Amino acid sequence: VEFKPGKETLLHVSEFDYKRIEDPSTILSVGDTLDVKYMGVDPRTKKQ
């Protein structure tokens, strides 16, 4: 997902919903817009 042009990060499938999602494409497609909450930098992976 893109915050701003050139500013991208990964929305992991485990953070799509409270229920388990087997296939991310059943929920989202390229071009969709959505709200996400920024959780900070993962201390283990060092990624947003």
ModelCIF file with pLDDT and N, C-alpha, C, O atoms, coordinates in Angstrom:
data_MODEL
#
_entry.id   MODEL 
#
_entity.id                         1 
_entity.type                       polymer 
_entity.pdbx_number_of_molecules   1 
#
_entity_poly.entity_id                      1 
_entity_poly.type                           'polypeptide(L)' 
_entity_poly.nstd_linkage                   no 
_entity_poly.nstd_monomer                   no 
_entity_poly.pdbx_seq_one_letter_code       VEFKPGKETLLHVSEFDYKRIEDPSTILSVGDTLDVKYMGVDPRTKKQ 
_entity_poly.pdbx_seq_one_letter_code_can   VEFKPGKETLLHVSEFDYKRIEDPSTILSVGDTLDVKYMGVDPRTKKQ 
_entity_poly.pdbx_strand_id                 A 
#
loop_
_entity_poly_seq.entity_id 
_entity_poly_seq.num 
_entity_poly_seq.mon_id 
_entity_poly_seq.hetero 
1 1  VAL n 
1 2  GLU n 
1 3  PHE n 
1 4  LYS n 
1 5  PRO n 
1 6  GLY n 
1 7  LYS n 
1 8  GLU n 
1 9  THR n 
1 10 LEU n 
1 11 LEU n 
1 12 HIS n 
1 13 VAL n 
1 14 SER n 
1 15 GLU n 
1 16 PHE n 
1 17 ASP n 
1 18 TYR n 
1 19 LYS n 
1 20 ARG n 
1 21 ILE n 
1 22 GLU n 
1 23 ASP n 
1 24 PRO n 
1 25 SER n 
1 26 THR n 
1 27 ILE n 
1 28 LEU n 
1 29 SER n 
1 30 VAL n 
1 31 GLY n 
1 32 ASP n 
1 33 THR n 
1 34 LEU n 
1 35 ASP n 
1 36 VAL n 
1 37 LYS n 
1 38 TYR n 
1 39 MET n 
1 40 GLY n 
1 41 VAL n 
1 42 ASP n 
1 43 PRO n 
1 44 ARG n 
1 45 THR n 
1 46 LYS n 
1 47 LYS n 
1 48 GLN n 
#
_struct_asym.id          A 
_struct_asym.entity_id   1 
#
loop_
_ma_qa_metric.id 
_ma_qa_metric.mode 
_ma_qa_metric.name 
_ma_qa_metric.software_group_id 
_ma_qa_metric.type 
1 global pLDDT . pLDDT 
2 local  pLDDT . pLDDT 
#
_ma_qa_metric_global.metric_id      1 
_ma_qa_metric_global.metric_value   87.65 
_ma_qa_metric_global.model_id       1 
_ma_qa_metric_global.ordinal_id     1 
#
loop_
_ma_qa_metric_local.label_asym_id 
_ma_qa_metric_local.label_comp_id 
_ma_qa_metric_local.label_seq_id 
_ma_qa_metric_local.metric_id 
_ma_qa_metric_local.metric_value 
_ma_qa_metric_local.model_id 
_ma_qa_metric_local.ordinal_id 
A VAL 1  2 91.00 1 1  
A GLU 2  2 90.00 1 2  
A PHE 3  2 89.00 1 3  
A LYS 4  2 86.00 1 4  
A PRO 5  2 84.00 1 5  
A GLY 6  2 79.00 1 6  
A LYS 7  2 84.00 1 7  
A GLU 8  2 88.00 1 8  
A THR 9  2 90.00 1 9  
A LEU 10 2 91.00 1 10 
A LEU 11 2 91.00 1 11 
A HIS 12 2 89.00 1 12 
A VAL 13 2 89.00 1 13 
A SER 14 2 87.00 1 14 
A GLU 15 2 87.00 1 15 
A PHE 16 2 90.00 1 16 
A ASP 17 2 87.00 1 17 
A TYR 18 2 85.00 1 18 
A LYS 19 2 85.00 1 19 
A ARG 20 2 86.00 1 20 
A ILE 21 2 87.00 1 21 
A GLU 22 2 86.00 1 22 
A ASP 23 2 90.00 1 23 
A PRO 24 2 89.00 1 24 
A SER 25 2 89.00 1 25 
A THR 26 2 87.00 1 26 
A ILE 27 2 89.00 1 27 
A LEU 28 2 91.00 1 28 
A SER 29 2 91.00 1 29 
A VAL 30 2 92.00 1 30 
A GLY 31 2 90.00 1 31 
A ASP 32 2 91.00 1 32 
A THR 33 2 91.00 1 33 
A LEU 34 2 91.00 1 34 
A ASP 35 2 92.00 1 35 
A VAL 36 2 91.00 1 36 
A LYS 37 2 91.00 1 37 
A TYR 38 2 90.00 1 38 
A MET 39 2 89.00 1 39 
A GLY 40 2 88.00 1 40 
A VAL 41 2 87.00 1 41 
A ASP 42 2 82.00 1 42 
A PRO 43 2 82.00 1 43 
A ARG 44 2 81.00 1 44 
A THR 45 2 79.00 1 45 
A LYS 46 2 81.00 1 46 
A LYS 47 2 85.00 1 47 
A GLN 48 2 87.00 1 48 
#
loop_
_atom_site.group_PDB 
_atom_site.id 
_atom_site.type_symbol 
_atom_site.label_atom_id 
_atom_site.label_alt_id 
_atom_site.label_comp_id 
_atom_site.label_asym_id 
_atom_site.label_entity_id 
_atom_site.label_seq_id 
_atom_site.pdbx_PDB_ins_code 
_atom_site.Cartn_x 
_atom_site.Cartn_y 
_atom_site.Cartn_z 
_atom_site.occupancy 
_atom_site.B_iso_or_equiv 
_atom_site.pdbx_formal_charge 
_atom_site.auth_seq_id 
_atom_site.auth_comp_id 
_atom_site.auth_asym_id 
_atom_site.auth_atom_id 
_atom_site.pdbx_PDB_model_num 
ATOM 1   N N  . VAL A 1 1  ? 0.842   -1.191  0.000  1.00 91.00 ? 1  VAL A N  1 
ATOM 2   C CA . VAL A 1 1  ? 0.000   0.000   0.000  1.00 91.00 ? 1  VAL A CA 1 
ATOM 3   C C  . VAL A 1 1  ? 0.882   1.248   0.000  1.00 91.00 ? 1  VAL A C  1 
ATOM 4   O O  . VAL A 1 1  ? 2.022   1.225   0.466  1.00 91.00 ? 1  VAL A O  1 
ATOM 5   N N  . GLU A 1 2  ? 0.328   2.330   -0.532 1.00 90.00 ? 2  GLU A N  1 
ATOM 6   C CA . GLU A 1 2  ? 1.080   3.577   -0.711 1.00 90.00 ? 2  GLU A CA 1 
ATOM 7   C C  . GLU A 1 2  ? 0.459   4.689   0.136  1.00 90.00 ? 2  GLU A C  1 
ATOM 8   O O  . GLU A 1 2  ? -0.714  5.032   -0.010 1.00 90.00 ? 2  GLU A O  1 
ATOM 9   N N  . PHE A 1 3  ? 1.307   5.249   1.045  1.00 89.00 ? 3  PHE A N  1 
ATOM 10  C CA . PHE A 1 3  ? 0.879   6.437   1.795  1.00 89.00 ? 3  PHE A CA 1 
ATOM 11  C C  . PHE A 1 3  ? 0.863   7.661   0.888  1.00 89.00 ? 3  PHE A C  1 
ATOM 12  O O  . PHE A 1 3  ? -0.142  8.359   0.750  1.00 89.00 ? 3  PHE A O  1 
ATOM 13  N N  . LYS A 1 4  ? 2.023   7.889   0.277  1.00 86.00 ? 4  LYS A N  1 
ATOM 14  C CA . LYS A 1 4  ? 2.266   8.985   -0.659 1.00 86.00 ? 4  LYS A CA 1 
ATOM 15  C C  . LYS A 1 4  ? 3.059   8.413   -1.813 1.00 86.00 ? 4  LYS A C  1 
ATOM 16  O O  . LYS A 1 4  ? 3.680   7.362   -1.659 1.00 86.00 ? 4  LYS A O  1 
ATOM 17  N N  . PRO A 1 5  ? 3.061   9.074   -2.979 1.00 84.00 ? 5  PRO A N  1 
ATOM 18  C CA . PRO A 1 5  ? 3.892   8.569   -4.078 1.00 84.00 ? 5  PRO A CA 1 
ATOM 19  C C  . PRO A 1 5  ? 5.333   8.357   -3.618 1.00 84.00 ? 5  PRO A C  1 
ATOM 20  O O  . PRO A 1 5  ? 6.000   9.276   -3.144 1.00 84.00 ? 5  PRO A O  1 
ATOM 21  N N  . GLY A 1 6  ? 5.792   7.104   -3.775 1.00 79.00 ? 6  GLY A N  1 
ATOM 22  C CA . GLY A 1 6  ? 7.150   6.771   -3.366 1.00 79.00 ? 6  GLY A CA 1 
ATOM 23  C C  . GLY A 1 6  ? 7.261   6.291   -1.935 1.00 79.00 ? 6  GLY A C  1 
ATOM 24  O O  . GLY A 1 6  ? 8.338   5.861   -1.523 1.00 79.00 ? 6  GLY A O  1 
ATOM 25  N N  . LYS A 1 7  ? 6.186   6.349   -1.159 1.00 84.00 ? 7  LYS A N  1 
ATOM 26  C CA . LYS A 1 7  ? 6.196   5.918   0.233  1.00 84.00 ? 7  LYS A CA 1 
ATOM 27  C C  . LYS A 1 7  ? 5.255   4.719   0.368  1.00 84.00 ? 7  LYS A C  1 
ATOM 28  O O  . LYS A 1 7  ? 4.042   4.889   0.489  1.00 84.00 ? 7  LYS A O  1 
ATOM 29  N N  . GLU A 1 8  ? 5.820   3.499   0.348  1.00 88.00 ? 8  GLU A N  1 
ATOM 30  C CA . GLU A 1 8  ? 5.037   2.271   0.334  1.00 88.00 ? 8  GLU A CA 1 
ATOM 31  C C  . GLU A 1 8  ? 5.419   1.388   1.522  1.00 88.00 ? 8  GLU A C  1 
ATOM 32  O O  . GLU A 1 8  ? 6.504   1.519   2.088  1.00 88.00 ? 8  GLU A O  1 
ATOM 33  N N  . THR A 1 9  ? 4.502   0.486   1.886  1.00 90.00 ? 9  THR A N  1 
ATOM 34  C CA . THR A 1 9  ? 4.791   -0.506  2.920  1.00 90.00 ? 9  THR A CA 1 
ATOM 35  C C  . THR A 1 9  ? 3.890   -1.713  2.696  1.00 90.00 ? 9  THR A C  1 
ATOM 36  O O  . THR A 1 9  ? 2.953   -1.672  1.900  1.00 90.00 ? 9  THR A O  1 
ATOM 37  N N  . LEU A 1 10 ? 4.198   -2.794  3.420  1.00 91.00 ? 10 LEU A N  1 
ATOM 38  C CA . LEU A 1 10 ? 3.440   -4.038  3.268  1.00 91.00 ? 10 LEU A CA 1 
ATOM 39  C C  . LEU A 1 10 ? 2.307   -4.101  4.280  1.00 91.00 ? 10 LEU A C  1 
ATOM 40  O O  . LEU A 1 10 ? 2.514   -3.906  5.477  1.00 91.00 ? 10 LEU A O  1 
ATOM 41  N N  . LEU A 1 11 ? 1.113   -4.374  3.786  1.00 91.00 ? 11 LEU A N  1 
ATOM 42  C CA . LEU A 1 11 ? -0.016  -4.726  4.644  1.00 91.00 ? 11 LEU A CA 1 
ATOM 43  C C  . LEU A 1 11 ? -0.126  -6.245  4.604  1.00 91.00 ? 11 LEU A C  1 
ATOM 44  O O  . LEU A 1 11 ? -0.605  -6.812  3.622  1.00 91.00 ? 11 LEU A O  1 
ATOM 45  N N  . HIS A 1 12 ? 0.322   -6.907  5.681  1.00 89.00 ? 12 HIS A N  1 
ATOM 46  C CA . HIS A 1 12 ? 0.343   -8.373  5.704  1.00 89.00 ? 12 HIS A CA 1 
ATOM 47  C C  . HIS A 1 12 ? -1.079  -8.905  5.786  1.00 89.00 ? 12 HIS A C  1 
ATOM 48  O O  . HIS A 1 12 ? -1.958  -8.275  6.374  1.00 89.00 ? 12 HIS A O  1 
ATOM 49  N N  . VAL A 1 13 ? -1.294  -10.080 5.188  1.00 89.00 ? 13 VAL A N  1 
ATOM 50  C CA . VAL A 1 13 ? -2.628  -10.664 5.149  1.00 89.00 ? 13 VAL A CA 1 
ATOM 51  C C  . VAL A 1 13 ? -3.185  -10.885 6.549  1.00 89.00 ? 13 VAL A C  1 
ATOM 52  O O  . VAL A 1 13 ? -4.399  -10.847 6.751  1.00 89.00 ? 13 VAL A O  1 
ATOM 53  N N  . SER A 1 14 ? -2.300  -11.117 7.519  1.00 87.00 ? 14 SER A N  1 
ATOM 54  C CA . SER A 1 14 ? -2.763  -11.323 8.895  1.00 87.00 ? 14 SER A CA 1 
ATOM 55  C C  . SER A 1 14 ? -3.367  -10.067 9.499  1.00 87.00 ? 14 SER A C  1 
ATOM 56  O O  . SER A 1 14 ? -4.059  -10.133 10.515 1.00 87.00 ? 14 SER A O  1 
ATOM 57  N N  . GLU A 1 15 ? -3.104  -8.905  8.867  1.00 87.00 ? 15 GLU A N  1 
ATOM 58  C CA . GLU A 1 15 ? -3.640  -7.644  9.369  1.00 87.00 ? 15 GLU A CA 1 
ATOM 59  C C  . GLU A 1 15 ? -4.815  -7.145  8.531  1.00 87.00 ? 15 GLU A C  1 
ATOM 60  O O  . GLU A 1 15 ? -5.271  -6.012  8.689  1.00 87.00 ? 15 GLU A O  1 
ATOM 61  N N  . PHE A 1 16 ? -5.308  -8.029  7.620  1.00 90.00 ? 16 PHE A N  1 
ATOM 62  C CA . PHE A 1 16 ? -6.465  -7.632  6.809  1.00 90.00 ? 16 PHE A CA 1 
ATOM 63  C C  . PHE A 1 16 ? -7.728  -7.546  7.666  1.00 90.00 ? 16 PHE A C  1 
ATOM 64  O O  . PHE A 1 16 ? -8.504  -6.594  7.582  1.00 90.00 ? 16 PHE A O  1 
ATOM 65  N N  . ASP A 1 17 ? -7.907  -8.605  8.513  1.00 87.00 ? 17 ASP A N  1 
ATOM 66  C CA . ASP A 1 17 ? -9.177  -8.717  9.232  1.00 87.00 ? 17 ASP A CA 1 
ATOM 67  C C  . ASP A 1 17 ? -8.931  -9.530  10.500 1.00 87.00 ? 17 ASP A C  1 
ATOM 68  O O  . ASP A 1 17 ? -7.869  -10.123 10.691 1.00 87.00 ? 17 ASP A O  1 
ATOM 69  N N  . TYR A 1 18 ? -9.951  -9.536  11.360 1.00 85.00 ? 18 TYR A N  1 
ATOM 70  C CA . TYR A 1 18 ? -9.855  -10.336 12.574 1.00 85.00 ? 18 TYR A CA 1 
ATOM 71  C C  . TYR A 1 18 ? -9.990  -11.825 12.261 1.00 85.00 ? 18 TYR A C  1 
ATOM 72  O O  . TYR A 1 18 ? -9.511  -12.670 13.017 1.00 85.00 ? 18 TYR A O  1 
ATOM 73  N N  . LYS A 1 19 ? -10.628 -12.132 11.170 1.00 85.00 ? 19 LYS A N  1 
ATOM 74  C CA . LYS A 1 19 ? -10.735 -13.531 10.777 1.00 85.00 ? 19 LYS A CA 1 
ATOM 75  C C  . LYS A 1 19 ? -9.601  -13.881 9.819  1.00 85.00 ? 19 LYS A C  1 
ATOM 76  O O  . LYS A 1 19 ? -8.940  -13.018 9.240  1.00 85.00 ? 19 LYS A O  1 
ATOM 77  N N  . ARG A 1 20 ? -9.413  -15.178 9.683  1.00 86.00 ? 20 ARG A N  1 
ATOM 78  C CA . ARG A 1 20 ? -8.316  -15.634 8.846  1.00 86.00 ? 20 ARG A CA 1 
ATOM 79  C C  . ARG A 1 20 ? -8.674  -15.433 7.371  1.00 86.00 ? 20 ARG A C  1 
ATOM 80  O O  . ARG A 1 20 ? -9.775  -15.768 6.936  1.00 86.00 ? 20 ARG A O  1 
ATOM 81  N N  . ILE A 1 21 ? -7.716  -14.876 6.604  1.00 87.00 ? 21 ILE A N  1 
ATOM 82  C CA . ILE A 1 21 ? -7.900  -14.668 5.165  1.00 87.00 ? 21 ILE A CA 1 
ATOM 83  C C  . ILE A 1 21 ? -6.932  -15.590 4.439  1.00 87.00 ? 21 ILE A C  1 
ATOM 84  O O  . ILE A 1 21 ? -5.719  -15.493 4.622  1.00 87.00 ? 21 ILE A O  1 
ATOM 85  N N  . GLU A 1 22 ? -7.469  -16.482 3.617  1.00 86.00 ? 22 GLU A N  1 
ATOM 86  C CA . GLU A 1 22 ? -6.609  -17.408 2.884  1.00 86.00 ? 22 GLU A CA 1 
ATOM 87  C C  . GLU A 1 22 ? -6.000  -16.758 1.648  1.00 86.00 ? 22 GLU A C  1 
ATOM 88  O O  . GLU A 1 22 ? -4.824  -16.966 1.351  1.00 86.00 ? 22 GLU A O  1 
ATOM 89  N N  . ASP A 1 23 ? -6.797  -15.970 0.924  1.00 90.00 ? 23 ASP A N  1 
ATOM 90  C CA . ASP A 1 23 ? -6.331  -15.380 -0.342 1.00 90.00 ? 23 ASP A CA 1 
ATOM 91  C C  . ASP A 1 23 ? -6.503  -13.856 -0.274 1.00 90.00 ? 23 ASP A C  1 
ATOM 92  O O  . ASP A 1 23 ? -7.638  -13.379 -0.271 1.00 90.00 ? 23 ASP A O  1 
ATOM 93  N N  . PRO A 1 24 ? -5.400  -13.068 -0.218 1.00 89.00 ? 24 PRO A N  1 
ATOM 94  C CA . PRO A 1 24 ? -5.535  -11.602 -0.114 1.00 89.00 ? 24 PRO A CA 1 
ATOM 95  C C  . PRO A 1 24 ? -6.337  -10.984 -1.244 1.00 89.00 ? 24 PRO A C  1 
ATOM 96  O O  . PRO A 1 24 ? -6.994  -9.961  -1.051 1.00 89.00 ? 24 PRO A O  1 
ATOM 97  N N  . SER A 1 25 ? -6.291  -11.600 -2.436 1.00 89.00 ? 25 SER A N  1 
ATOM 98  C CA . SER A 1 25 ? -6.970  -11.005 -3.599 1.00 89.00 ? 25 SER A CA 1 
ATOM 99  C C  . SER A 1 25 ? -8.480  -11.061 -3.495 1.00 89.00 ? 25 SER A C  1 
ATOM 100 O O  . SER A 1 25 ? -9.179  -10.389 -4.253 1.00 89.00 ? 25 SER A O  1 
ATOM 101 N N  . THR A 1 26 ? -8.999  -11.863 -2.552 1.00 87.00 ? 26 THR A N  1 
ATOM 102 C CA . THR A 1 26 ? -10.456 -11.883 -2.369 1.00 87.00 ? 26 THR A CA 1 
ATOM 103 C C  . THR A 1 26 ? -10.937 -10.668 -1.588 1.00 87.00 ? 26 THR A C  1 
ATOM 104 O O  . THR A 1 26 ? -12.131 -10.369 -1.558 1.00 87.00 ? 26 THR A O  1 
ATOM 105 N N  . ILE A 1 27 ? -9.994  -9.970  -0.956 1.00 89.00 ? 27 ILE A N  1 
ATOM 106 C CA . ILE A 1 27 ? -10.360 -8.806  -0.143 1.00 89.00 ? 27 ILE A CA 1 
ATOM 107 C C  . ILE A 1 27 ? -9.982  -7.498  -0.841 1.00 89.00 ? 27 ILE A C  1 
ATOM 108 O O  . ILE A 1 27 ? -10.761 -6.544  -0.850 1.00 89.00 ? 27 ILE A O  1 
ATOM 109 N N  . LEU A 1 28 ? -8.785  -7.460  -1.423 1.00 91.00 ? 28 LEU A N  1 
ATOM 110 C CA . LEU A 1 28 ? -8.276  -6.226  -2.022 1.00 91.00 ? 28 LEU A CA 1 
ATOM 111 C C  . LEU A 1 28 ? -7.794  -6.468  -3.436 1.00 91.00 ? 28 LEU A C  1 
ATOM 112 O O  . LEU A 1 28 ? -7.440  -7.585  -3.813 1.00 91.00 ? 28 LEU A O  1 
ATOM 113 N N  . SER A 1 29 ? -7.789  -5.368  -4.230 1.00 91.00 ? 29 SER A N  1 
ATOM 114 C CA . SER A 1 29 ? -7.259  -5.391  -5.594 1.00 91.00 ? 29 SER A CA 1 
ATOM 115 C C  . SER A 1 29 ? -6.413  -4.142  -5.802 1.00 91.00 ? 29 SER A C  1 
ATOM 116 O O  . SER A 1 29 ? -6.547  -3.166  -5.063 1.00 91.00 ? 29 SER A O  1 
ATOM 117 N N  . VAL A 1 30 ? -5.541  -4.171  -6.807 1.00 92.00 ? 30 VAL A N  1 
ATOM 118 C CA . VAL A 1 30 ? -4.723  -3.010  -7.145 1.00 92.00 ? 30 VAL A CA 1 
ATOM 119 C C  . VAL A 1 30 ? -5.635  -1.825  -7.489 1.00 92.00 ? 30 VAL A C  1 
ATOM 120 O O  . VAL A 1 30 ? -6.574  -1.964  -8.273 1.00 92.00 ? 30 VAL A O  1 
ATOM 121 N N  . GLY A 1 31 ? -5.355  -0.683  -6.907 1.00 90.00 ? 31 GLY A N  1 
ATOM 122 C CA . GLY A 1 31 ? -6.171  0.514   -7.128 1.00 90.00 ? 31 GLY A CA 1 
ATOM 123 C C  . GLY A 1 31 ? -7.160  0.784   -6.033 1.00 90.00 ? 31 GLY A C  1 
ATOM 124 O O  . GLY A 1 31 ? -7.684  1.894   -5.942 1.00 90.00 ? 31 GLY A O  1 
ATOM 125 N N  . ASP A 1 32 ? -7.446  -0.221  -5.170 1.00 91.00 ? 32 ASP A N  1 
ATOM 126 C CA . ASP A 1 32 ? -8.362  -0.003  -4.056 1.00 91.00 ? 32 ASP A CA 1 
ATOM 127 C C  . ASP A 1 32 ? -7.747  0.982   -3.058 1.00 91.00 ? 32 ASP A C  1 
ATOM 128 O O  . ASP A 1 32 ? -6.526  1.066   -2.921 1.00 91.00 ? 32 ASP A O  1 
ATOM 129 N N  . THR A 1 33 ? -8.606  1.713   -2.374 1.00 91.00 ? 33 THR A N  1 
ATOM 130 C CA . THR A 1 33 ? -8.163  2.587   -1.290 1.00 91.00 ? 33 THR A CA 1 
ATOM 131 C C  . THR A 1 33 ? -8.810  2.120   -0.003 1.00 91.00 ? 33 THR A C  1 
ATOM 132 O O  . THR A 1 33 ? -9.930  1.610   -0.006 1.00 91.00 ? 33 THR A O  1 
ATOM 133 N N  . LEU A 1 34 ? -8.095  2.299   1.102  1.00 91.00 ? 34 LEU A N  1 
ATOM 134 C CA . LEU A 1 34 ? -8.599  1.824   2.388  1.00 91.00 ? 34 LEU A CA 1 
ATOM 135 C C  . LEU A 1 34 ? -7.901  2.574   3.503  1.00 91.00 ? 34 LEU A C  1 
ATOM 136 O O  . LEU A 1 34 ? -6.904  3.259   3.275  1.00 91.00 ? 34 LEU A O  1 
ATOM 137 N N  . ASP A 1 35 ? -8.431  2.442   4.715  1.00 92.00 ? 35 ASP A N  1 
ATOM 138 C CA . ASP A 1 35 ? -7.813  3.034   5.881  1.00 92.00 ? 35 ASP A CA 1 
ATOM 139 C C  . ASP A 1 35 ? -6.972  1.993   6.596  1.00 92.00 ? 35 ASP A C  1 
ATOM 140 O O  . ASP A 1 35 ? -7.382  0.841   6.736  1.00 92.00 ? 35 ASP A O  1 
ATOM 141 N N  . VAL A 1 36 ? -5.807  2.396   7.044  1.00 91.00 ? 36 VAL A N  1 
ATOM 142 C CA . VAL A 1 36 ? -4.944  1.529   7.833  1.00 91.00 ? 36 VAL A CA 1 
ATOM 143 C C  . VAL A 1 36 ? -4.421  2.323   9.011  1.00 91.00 ? 36 VAL A C  1 
ATOM 144 O O  . VAL A 1 36 ? -4.324  3.550   8.965  1.00 91.00 ? 36 VAL A O  1 
ATOM 145 N N  . LYS A 1 37 ? -4.088  1.603   10.062 1.00 91.00 ? 37 LYS A N  1 
ATOM 146 C CA . LYS A 1 37 ? -3.479  2.223   11.241 1.00 91.00 ? 37 LYS A CA 1 
ATOM 147 C C  . LYS A 1 37 ? -1.994  1.914   11.245 1.00 91.00 ? 37 LYS A C  1 
ATOM 148 O O  . LYS A 1 37 ? -1.582  0.771   11.049 1.00 91.00 ? 37 LYS A O  1 
ATOM 149 N N  . TYR A 1 38 ? -1.200  2.947   11.469 1.00 90.00 ? 38 TYR A N  1 
ATOM 150 C CA . TYR A 1 38 ? 0.248   2.755   11.485 1.00 90.00 ? 38 TYR A CA 1 
ATOM 151 C C  . TYR A 1 38 ? 0.660   2.279   12.865 1.00 90.00 ? 38 TYR A C  1 
ATOM 152 O O  . TYR A 1 38 ? 0.400   2.939   13.871 1.00 90.00 ? 38 TYR A O  1 
ATOM 153 N N  . MET A 1 39 ? 1.307   1.120   12.896 1.00 89.00 ? 39 MET A N  1 
ATOM 154 C CA . MET A 1 39 ? 1.666   0.473   14.152 1.00 89.00 ? 39 MET A CA 1 
ATOM 155 C C  . MET A 1 39 ? 3.117   0.711   14.552 1.00 89.00 ? 39 MET A C  1 
ATOM 156 O O  . MET A 1 39 ? 3.560   0.239   15.599 1.00 89.00 ? 39 MET A O  1 
ATOM 157 N N  . GLY A 1 40 ? 3.865   1.448   13.714 1.00 88.00 ? 40 GLY A N  1 
ATOM 158 C CA . GLY A 1 40 ? 5.272   1.693   14.023 1.00 88.00 ? 40 GLY A CA 1 
ATOM 159 C C  . GLY A 1 40 ? 6.188   0.711   13.321 1.00 88.00 ? 40 GLY A C  1 
ATOM 160 O O  . GLY A 1 40 ? 5.779   0.033   12.379 1.00 88.00 ? 40 GLY A O  1 
ATOM 161 N N  . VAL A 1 41 ? 7.403   0.638   13.770 1.00 87.00 ? 41 VAL A N  1 
ATOM 162 C CA . VAL A 1 41 ? 8.404   -0.249  13.177 1.00 87.00 ? 41 VAL A CA 1 
ATOM 163 C C  . VAL A 1 41 ? 8.480   -1.515  14.005 1.00 87.00 ? 41 VAL A C  1 
ATOM 164 O O  . VAL A 1 41 ? 8.671   -1.474  15.220 1.00 87.00 ? 41 VAL A O  1 
ATOM 165 N N  . ASP A 1 42 ? 8.327   -2.639  13.327 1.00 82.00 ? 42 ASP A N  1 
ATOM 166 C CA . ASP A 1 42 ? 8.412   -3.931  13.999 1.00 82.00 ? 42 ASP A CA 1 
ATOM 167 C C  . ASP A 1 42 ? 9.826   -4.105  14.547 1.00 82.00 ? 42 ASP A C  1 
ATOM 168 O O  . ASP A 1 42 ? 10.786  -4.065  13.777 1.00 82.00 ? 42 ASP A O  1 
ATOM 169 N N  . PRO A 1 43 ? 9.979   -4.298  15.859 1.00 82.00 ? 43 PRO A N  1 
ATOM 170 C CA . PRO A 1 43 ? 11.329  -4.400  16.428 1.00 82.00 ? 43 PRO A CA 1 
ATOM 171 C C  . PRO A 1 43 ? 12.110  -5.610  15.933 1.00 82.00 ? 43 PRO A C  1 
ATOM 172 O O  . PRO A 1 43 ? 13.340  -5.621  15.988 1.00 82.00 ? 43 PRO A O  1 
ATOM 173 N N  . ARG A 1 44 ? 11.388  -6.648  15.440 1.00 81.00 ? 44 ARG A N  1 
ATOM 174 C CA . ARG A 1 44 ? 12.094  -7.836  14.979 1.00 81.00 ? 44 ARG A CA 1 
ATOM 175 C C  . ARG A 1 44 ? 12.506  -7.727  13.518 1.00 81.00 ? 44 ARG A C  1 
ATOM 176 O O  . ARG A 1 44 ? 13.644  -8.034  13.163 1.00 81.00 ? 44 ARG A O  1 
ATOM 177 N N  . THR A 1 45 ? 11.576  -7.288  12.670 1.00 79.00 ? 45 THR A N  1 
ATOM 178 C CA . THR A 1 45 ? 11.881  -7.206  11.230 1.00 79.00 ? 45 THR A CA 1 
ATOM 179 C C  . THR A 1 45 ? 12.461  -5.858  10.827 1.00 79.00 ? 45 THR A C  1 
ATOM 180 O O  . THR A 1 45 ? 13.012  -5.716  9.735  1.00 79.00 ? 45 THR A O  1 
ATOM 181 N N  . LYS A 1 46 ? 12.337  -4.853  11.722 1.00 81.00 ? 46 LYS A N  1 
ATOM 182 C CA . LYS A 1 46 ? 12.813  -3.492  11.431 1.00 81.00 ? 46 LYS A CA 1 
ATOM 183 C C  . LYS A 1 46 ? 12.083  -2.867  10.246 1.00 81.00 ? 46 LYS A C  1 
ATOM 184 O O  . LYS A 1 46 ? 12.609  -1.975  9.580  1.00 81.00 ? 46 LYS A O  1 
ATOM 185 N N  . LYS A 1 47 ? 10.862  -3.347  9.992  1.00 85.00 ? 47 LYS A N  1 
ATOM 186 C CA . LYS A 1 47 ? 10.074  -2.801  8.895  1.00 85.00 ? 47 LYS A CA 1 
ATOM 187 C C  . LYS A 1 47 ? 8.797   -2.176  9.439  1.00 85.00 ? 47 LYS A C  1 
ATOM 188 O O  . LYS A 1 47 ? 8.317   -2.527  10.517 1.00 85.00 ? 47 LYS A O  1 
ATOM 189 N N  . GLN A 1 48 ? 8.253   -1.226  8.649  1.00 87.00 ? 48 GLN A N  1 
ATOM 190 C CA . GLN A 1 48 ? 7.017   -0.576  9.069  1.00 87.00 ? 48 GLN A CA 1 
ATOM 191 C C  . GLN A 1 48 ? 5.862   -1.573  9.063  1.00 87.00 ? 48 GLN A C  1 
ATOM 192 O O  . GLN A 1 48 ? 4.731   -1.211  9.390  1.00 87.00 ? 48 GLN A O  1 
#
